[in-house]
C-alpha atoms as a PDB file:
ATOM      1  CA  MET A   1       0.000   0.000   0.000  1.00  0.00           C
ATOM      2  CA  ILE A   2       2.634   2.524   1.050  1.00  0.00           C
ATOM      3  CA  LYS A   3       4.968   1.528  -1.782  1.00  0.00           C
ATOM      4  CA  ARG A   4       2.215   2.075  -4.333  1.00  0.00           C
ATOM      5  CA  LEU A   5       1.463   5.485  -2.879  1.00  0.00           C
ATOM      6  CA  LEU A   6       5.146   6.450  -3.023  1.00  0.00           C
ATOM      7  CA  ARG A   7       5.508   5.290  -6.614  1.00  0.00           C
ATOM      8  CA  LYS A   8       2.537   7.392  -7.695  1.00  0.00           C
ATOM      9  CA  SER A   9       3.379  10.588  -5.840  1.00  0.00           C
ATOM     10  CA  ASP A  10       6.750  12.292  -6.223  1.00  0.00           C
ATOM     11  CA  SER A  11       5.801  14.949  -3.694  1.00  0.00           C
ATOM     12  CA  VAL A  12       5.153  12.354  -0.950  1.00  0.00           C
ATOM     13  CA  TYR A  13       8.463  10.648  -1.742  1.00  0.00           C
ATOM     14  CA  LEU A  14      10.354  13.953  -1.547  1.00  0.00           C
ATOM     15  CA  LEU A  15       8.646  14.799   1.735  1.00  0.00           C
ATOM     16  CA  ILE A  16       9.754  11.485   3.246  1.00  0.00           C
ATOM     17  CA  ARG A  17      13.334  12.012   1.938  1.00  0.00           C
ATOM     18  CA  ARG A  18      13.444  15.447   3.572  1.00  0.00           C
ATOM     19  CA  ILE A  19      12.208  14.038   6.878  1.00  0.00           C
ATOM     20  CA  LEU A  20      14.912  11.363   6.770  1.00  0.00           C
ATOM     21  CA  MET A  21      17.539  14.026   6.026  1.00  0.00           C
ATOM     22  CA  LEU A  22      16.454  16.008   9.102  1.00  0.00           C
ATOM     23  CA  HIS A  23      17.815  13.069  11.090  1.00  0.00           C
ATOM     24  CA  VAL A  24      21.166  13.411   9.299  1.00  0.00           C
ATOM     25  CA  TRP A  25      21.295  17.205   9.535  1.00  0.00           C
ATOM     26  CA  PHE A  26      20.310  17.641  13.179  1.00  0.00           C
ATOM     27  CA  TRP A  27      21.098  14.413  15.013  1.00  0.00           C
ATOM     28  CA  HIS A  28      24.448  13.770  13.325  1.00  0.00           C
ATOM     29  CA  ARG A  29      25.109  17.470  12.575  1.00  0.00           C
ATOM     30  CA  LEU A  30      26.053  16.782   8.955  1.00  0.00           C
ATOM     31  CA  ARG A  31      24.795  19.978   7.361  1.00  0.00           C
ATOM     32  CA  GLY A  32      26.881  19.779   4.175  1.00  0.00           C
ATOM     33  CA  ILE A  33      24.885  16.849   2.817  1.00  0.00           C
ATOM     34  CA  ASP A  34      22.257  17.467   0.149  1.00  0.00           C
ATOM     35  CA  SER A  35      18.668  16.461   0.921  1.00  0.00           C
ATOM     36  CA  THR A  36      18.596  14.020  -2.017  1.00  0.00           C
ATOM     37  CA  CYS A  37      21.454  11.930  -0.575  1.00  0.00           C
ATOM     38  CA  ARG A  38      21.245   8.703   1.362  1.00  0.00           C
ATOM     39  CA  VAL A  39      23.498   8.144   4.374  1.00  0.00           C
ATOM     40  CA  VAL A  40      23.405   4.712   6.020  1.00  0.00           C
ATOM     41  CA  PHE A  41      24.474   4.611   9.662  1.00  0.00           C
ATOM     42  CA  PRO A  42      26.506   3.620  11.670  1.00  0.00           C
ATOM     43  CA  ASN A  43      29.536   5.461  10.351  1.00  0.00           C
ATOM     44  CA  THR A  44      32.031   8.129  11.372  1.00  0.00           C
ATOM     45  CA  ILE A  45      31.870  11.260   9.242  1.00  0.00           C
ATOM     46  CA  SER A  46      33.458  14.633   9.941  1.00  0.00           C
ATOM     47  CA  ARG A  47      30.943  17.435  10.418  1.00  0.00           C
ATOM     48  CA  ASP A  48      32.468  19.487   7.606  1.00  0.00           C
ATOM     49  CA  PHE A  49      31.921  16.733   5.003  1.00  0.00           C
ATOM     50  CA  GLU A  50      30.201  18.072   1.872  1.00  0.00           C
ATOM     51  CA  LEU A  51      28.212  15.707  -0.346  1.00  0.00           C
ATOM     52  CA  GLY A  52      26.477  16.682  -3.586  1.00  0.00           C
ATOM     53  CA  PRO A  53      23.012  15.678  -4.795  1.00  0.00           C
ATOM     54  CA  TYR A  54      21.921  12.083  -5.400  1.00  0.00           C
ATOM     55  CA  SER A  55      24.861  10.506  -3.600  1.00  0.00           C
ATOM     56  CA  LEU A  56      25.165   7.562  -1.220  1.00  0.00           C
ATOM     57  CA  VAL A  57      27.330   6.824   1.810  1.00  0.00           C
ATOM     58  CA  SER A  58      26.970   3.210   2.986  1.00  0.00           C
ATOM     59  CA  ARG A  59      27.502   1.856   6.482  1.00  0.00           C
ATOM     60  CA  GLY A  60      30.869   1.782   8.169  1.00  0.00           C
ATOM     61  CA  ALA A  61      32.362   4.775   6.374  1.00  0.00           C
ATOM     62  CA  TYR A  62      35.171   6.681   8.062  1.00  0.00           C
ATOM     63  CA  ILE A  63      35.553  10.099   6.451  1.00  0.00           C
ATOM     64  CA  CYS A  64      38.011  12.589   7.928  1.00  0.00           C
ATOM     65  CA  GLY A  65      37.710  16.361   7.763  1.00  0.00           C
ATOM     66  CA  ARG A  66      38.003  18.574   4.678  1.00  0.00           C
ATOM     67  CA  VAL A  67      36.405  16.126   2.213  1.00  0.00           C
ATOM     68  CA  LYS A  68      34.200  17.420  -0.609  1.00  0.00           C
ATOM     69  CA  ALA A  69      32.298  15.021  -2.852  1.00  0.00           C
ATOM     70  CA  GLY A  70      30.299  15.949  -5.951  1.00  0.00           C
ATOM     71  CA  LYS A  71      26.984  14.733  -7.271  1.00  0.00           C
ATOM     72  CA  TYR A  72      26.143  11.081  -8.024  1.00  0.00           C
ATOM     73  CA  VAL A  73      28.983   9.774  -5.808  1.00  0.00           C
ATOM     74  CA  MET A  74      28.645   6.295  -4.290  1.00  0.00           C
ATOM     75  CA  PHE A  75      30.606   5.181  -1.231  1.00  0.00           C
ATOM     76  CA  ALA A  76      30.317   1.414  -0.702  1.00  0.00           C
ATOM     77  CA  PRO A  77      30.519  -0.047   2.837  1.00  0.00           C
ATOM     78  CA  ASP A  78      33.638   0.454   4.969  1.00  0.00           C
ATOM     79  CA  VAL A  79      35.289   3.186   2.872  1.00  0.00           C
ATOM     80  CA  THR A  80      38.047   5.077   4.697  1.00  0.00           C
ATOM     81  CA  ILE A  81      39.385   8.517   3.852  1.00  0.00           C
ATOM     82  CA  ALA A  82      42.165   9.316   6.317  1.00  0.00           C
ATOM     83  CA  GLY A  83      45.870   9.816   6.755  1.00  0.00           C
ATOM     84  CA  ALA A  84      48.423  12.595   6.796  1.00  0.00           C
ATOM     85  CA  ASP A  85      47.333  13.371  10.324  1.00  0.00           C
ATOM     86  CA  TYR A  86      50.432  12.866  12.508  1.00  0.00           C
ATOM     87  CA  VAL A  87      53.797  14.592  12.598  1.00  0.00           C
ATOM     88  CA  PHE A  88      56.355  11.801  12.527  1.00  0.00           C
ATOM     89  CA  ASP A  89      59.585  13.499  11.458  1.00  0.00           C
ATOM     90  CA  GLN A  90      60.626  15.268  14.673  1.00  0.00           C
ATOM     91  CA  PRO A  91      63.563  13.479  16.321  1.00  0.00           C
ATOM     92  CA  GLY A  92      63.308  13.144  20.098  1.00  0.00           C
ATOM     93  CA  VAL A  93      59.530  13.658  20.153  1.00  0.00           C
ATOM     94  CA  PRO A  94      57.112  10.708  20.249  1.00  0.00           C
ATOM     95  CA  MET A  95      54.497  10.879  17.484  1.00  0.00           C
ATOM     96  CA  TYR A  96      51.817  10.944  20.165  1.00  0.00           C
ATOM     97  CA  PHE A  97      53.092  14.329  21.387  1.00  0.00           C
ATOM     98  CA  ALA A  98      54.303  15.775  18.063  1.00  0.00           C
ATOM     99  CA  GLY A  99      50.900  17.140  17.133  1.00  0.00           C
ATOM    100  CA  ARG A 100      48.918  17.042  13.932  1.00  0.00           C
ATOM    101  CA  PRO A 101      49.442  19.061  10.769  1.00  0.00           C
ATOM    102  CA  GLU A 102      46.509  20.753   9.068  1.00  0.00           C
ATOM    103  CA  LEU A 103      44.646  18.231   6.961  1.00  0.00           C
ATOM    104  CA  PRO A 104      44.802  18.781   3.191  1.00  0.00           C
ATOM    105  CA  GLU A 105      41.530  19.002   1.260  1.00  0.00           C
ATOM    106  CA  THR A 106      40.294  15.805  -0.410  1.00  0.00           C
ATOM    107  CA  VAL A 107      38.162  16.271  -3.533  1.00  0.00           C
ATOM    108  CA  ILE A 108      35.959  13.567  -5.008  1.00  0.00           C
ATOM    109  CA  GLU A 109      34.475  14.814  -8.246  1.00  0.00           C
ATOM    110  CA  ASP A 110      31.073  13.944  -9.803  1.00  0.00           C
ATOM    111  CA  ASP A 111      29.899  10.395 -10.635  1.00  0.00           C
ATOM    112  CA  VAL A 112      32.565   8.467  -8.718  1.00  0.00           C
ATOM    113  CA  TRP A 113      32.023   4.919  -7.442  1.00  0.00           C
ATOM    114  CA  ILE A 114      34.217   3.896  -4.519  1.00  0.00           C
ATOM    115  CA  GLY A 115      34.118   0.160  -3.806  1.00  0.00           C
ATOM    116  CA  THR A 116      33.928  -1.710  -0.515  1.00  0.00           C
ATOM    117  CA  ARG A 117      36.840  -1.363   1.916  1.00  0.00           C
ATOM    118  CA  VAL A 118      38.730   1.196  -0.147  1.00  0.00           C
ATOM    119  CA  CYS A 119      41.280   3.341   1.700  1.00  0.00           C
ATOM    120  CA  ILE A 120      41.988   6.811   0.288  1.00  0.00           C
ATOM    121  CA  LEU A 121      44.832   8.972   1.575  1.00  0.00           C
ATOM    122  CA  ALA A 122      43.659  12.447   2.589  1.00  0.00           C
ATOM    123  CA  GLY A 123      44.551  15.286   0.250  1.00  0.00           C
ATOM    124  CA  LEU A 124      43.975  13.495  -3.056  1.00  0.00           C
ATOM    125  CA  THR A 125      41.690  14.287  -5.975  1.00  0.00           C
ATOM    126  CA  ILE A 126      39.534  11.500  -7.389  1.00  0.00           C
ATOM    127  CA  GLY A 127      38.670  12.471 -10.960  1.00  0.00           C
ATOM    128  CA  ARG A 128      35.203  12.758 -12.439  1.00  0.00           C
ATOM    129  CA  GLY A 129      33.545   9.486 -13.445  1.00  0.00           C
ATOM    130  CA  SER A 130      36.187   7.244 -11.857  1.00  0.00           C
ATOM    131  CA  ILE A 131      35.689   3.799 -10.377  1.00  0.00           C
ATOM    132  CA  ILE A 132      37.870   2.515  -7.533  1.00  0.00           C
ATOM    133  CA  ALA A 133      37.885  -1.274  -7.199  1.00  0.00           C
ATOM    134  CA  MET A 134      37.052  -3.033  -3.958  1.00  0.00           C
ATOM    135  CA  GLY A 135      39.881  -3.281  -1.431  1.00  0.00           C
ATOM    136  CA  SER A 136      42.137  -0.725  -3.128  1.00  0.00           C
ATOM    137  CA  VAL A 137      44.523   1.629  -1.366  1.00  0.00           C
ATOM    138  CA  VAL A 138      44.614   4.963  -3.193  1.00  0.00           C
ATOM    139  CA  THR A 139      47.860   6.887  -2.601  1.00  0.00           C
ATOM    140  CA  LYS A 140      47.901   9.126  -5.703  1.00  0.00           C
ATOM    141  CA  ASP A 141      45.399  11.292  -7.553  1.00  0.00           C
ATOM    142  CA  VAL A 142      43.038   9.380  -9.855  1.00  0.00           C
ATOM    143  CA  ALA A 143      42.510  10.671 -13.393  1.00  0.00           C
ATOM    144  CA  ALA A 144      39.008  11.329 -14.716  1.00  0.00           C
ATOM    145  CA  TYR A 145      37.094   8.397 -16.222  1.00  0.00           C
ATOM    146  CA  SER A 146      39.570   5.774 -15.097  1.00  0.00           C
ATOM    147  CA  ILE A 147      39.121   2.449 -13.332  1.00  0.00           C
ATOM    148  CA  VAL A 148      41.802   1.847 -10.712  1.00  0.00           C
ATOM    149  CA  GLY A 149      42.458  -1.002  -8.308  1.00  0.00           C
ATOM    150  CA  GLY A 150      45.067  -2.757  -6.230  1.00  0.00           C
ATOM    151  CA  VAL A 151      47.490  -1.978  -3.431  1.00  0.00           C
ATOM    152  CA  PRO A 152      48.600   0.670  -4.235  1.00  0.00           C
ATOM    153  CA  ALA A 153      45.872   1.512  -6.735  1.00  0.00           C
ATOM    154  CA  LYS A 154      46.947   1.527 -10.386  1.00  0.00           C
ATOM    155  CA  LEU A 155      45.105   2.150 -13.640  1.00  0.00           C
ATOM    156  CA  ILE A 156      43.227  -0.938 -14.821  1.00  0.00           C
ATOM    157  CA  ARG A 157      41.653   0.668 -17.870  1.00  0.00           C
ATOM    158  CA  PRO A 158      39.828   3.825 -18.927  1.00  0.00           C
ATOM    159  CA  ARG A 159      36.082   3.834 -18.314  1.00  0.00           C
ATOM    160  CA  PHE A 160      35.198   5.553 -21.616  1.00  0.00           C
ATOM    161  CA  ASP A 161      36.867   6.458 -24.873  1.00  0.00           C
ATOM    162  CA  ALA A 162      37.224  10.182 -25.725  1.00  0.00           C
ATOM    163  CA  ASN A 163      33.845  10.499 -27.502  1.00  0.00           C
ATOM    164  CA  ASP A 164      31.895   8.735 -24.744  1.00  0.00           C
ATOM    165  CA  ALA A 165      33.703  10.808 -22.096  1.00  0.00           C
ATOM    166  CA  LYS A 166      32.558  13.994 -23.827  1.00  0.00           C
ATOM    167  CA  VAL A 167      28.941  12.782 -23.916  1.00  0.00           C
ATOM    168  CA  HIS A 168      29.146  11.867 -20.232  1.00  0.00           C
ATOM    169  CA  ASP A 169      30.747  15.235 -19.372  1.00  0.00           C
ATOM    170  CA  ASP A 170      27.874  17.047 -21.103  1.00  0.00           C
ATOM    171  CA  MET A 171      25.372  15.083 -19.003  1.00  0.00           C
ATOM    172  CA  LEU A 172      27.282  15.791 -15.748  1.00  0.00           C
ATOM    173  CA  ASN A 173      27.462  19.519 -16.520  1.00  0.00           C
ATOM    174  CA  GLN A 174      23.670  19.717 -16.378  1.00  0.00           C
ATOM    175  CA  PRO A 175      21.968  20.381 -13.026  1.00  0.00           C
ATOM    176  CA  ALA A 176      21.268  17.306 -10.910  1.00  0.00           C
END
């Protein structure tokens, strides 16, 4: 009954989505997340995380501060974005007491799919339309429209040829 009602009425569906996002915005204090997104808890997400429209964060995500993700981004379960958060090159000072440097900004562009249990080093840029294979450790920037995987992550193959990439870019440049 309820499913039929939701399928027939876009306004009822959008109302329910907004009510669910109130939980994310106020209880978890994640105000940088668009109302069209889906966030599955439990997870650990920095309060300054920004997530574009029609994106998904699955359970078990650990996302450090200064991360910005575009529209249509999918985070599979147990994705980690962390690192570069301890000073370790001061002789005579234990890392525990050496302090933390300022975290660099991590940018995940539009239409990126990040597989299960992927680890991404903070401060990288994941290019538009990329796919990161399950279990990968990303230590370098990922080029647009590429499929990467492994430890450390390396290019497996391009996602599109040049003509298809242009068509996809035109679609992504439109409003969500």
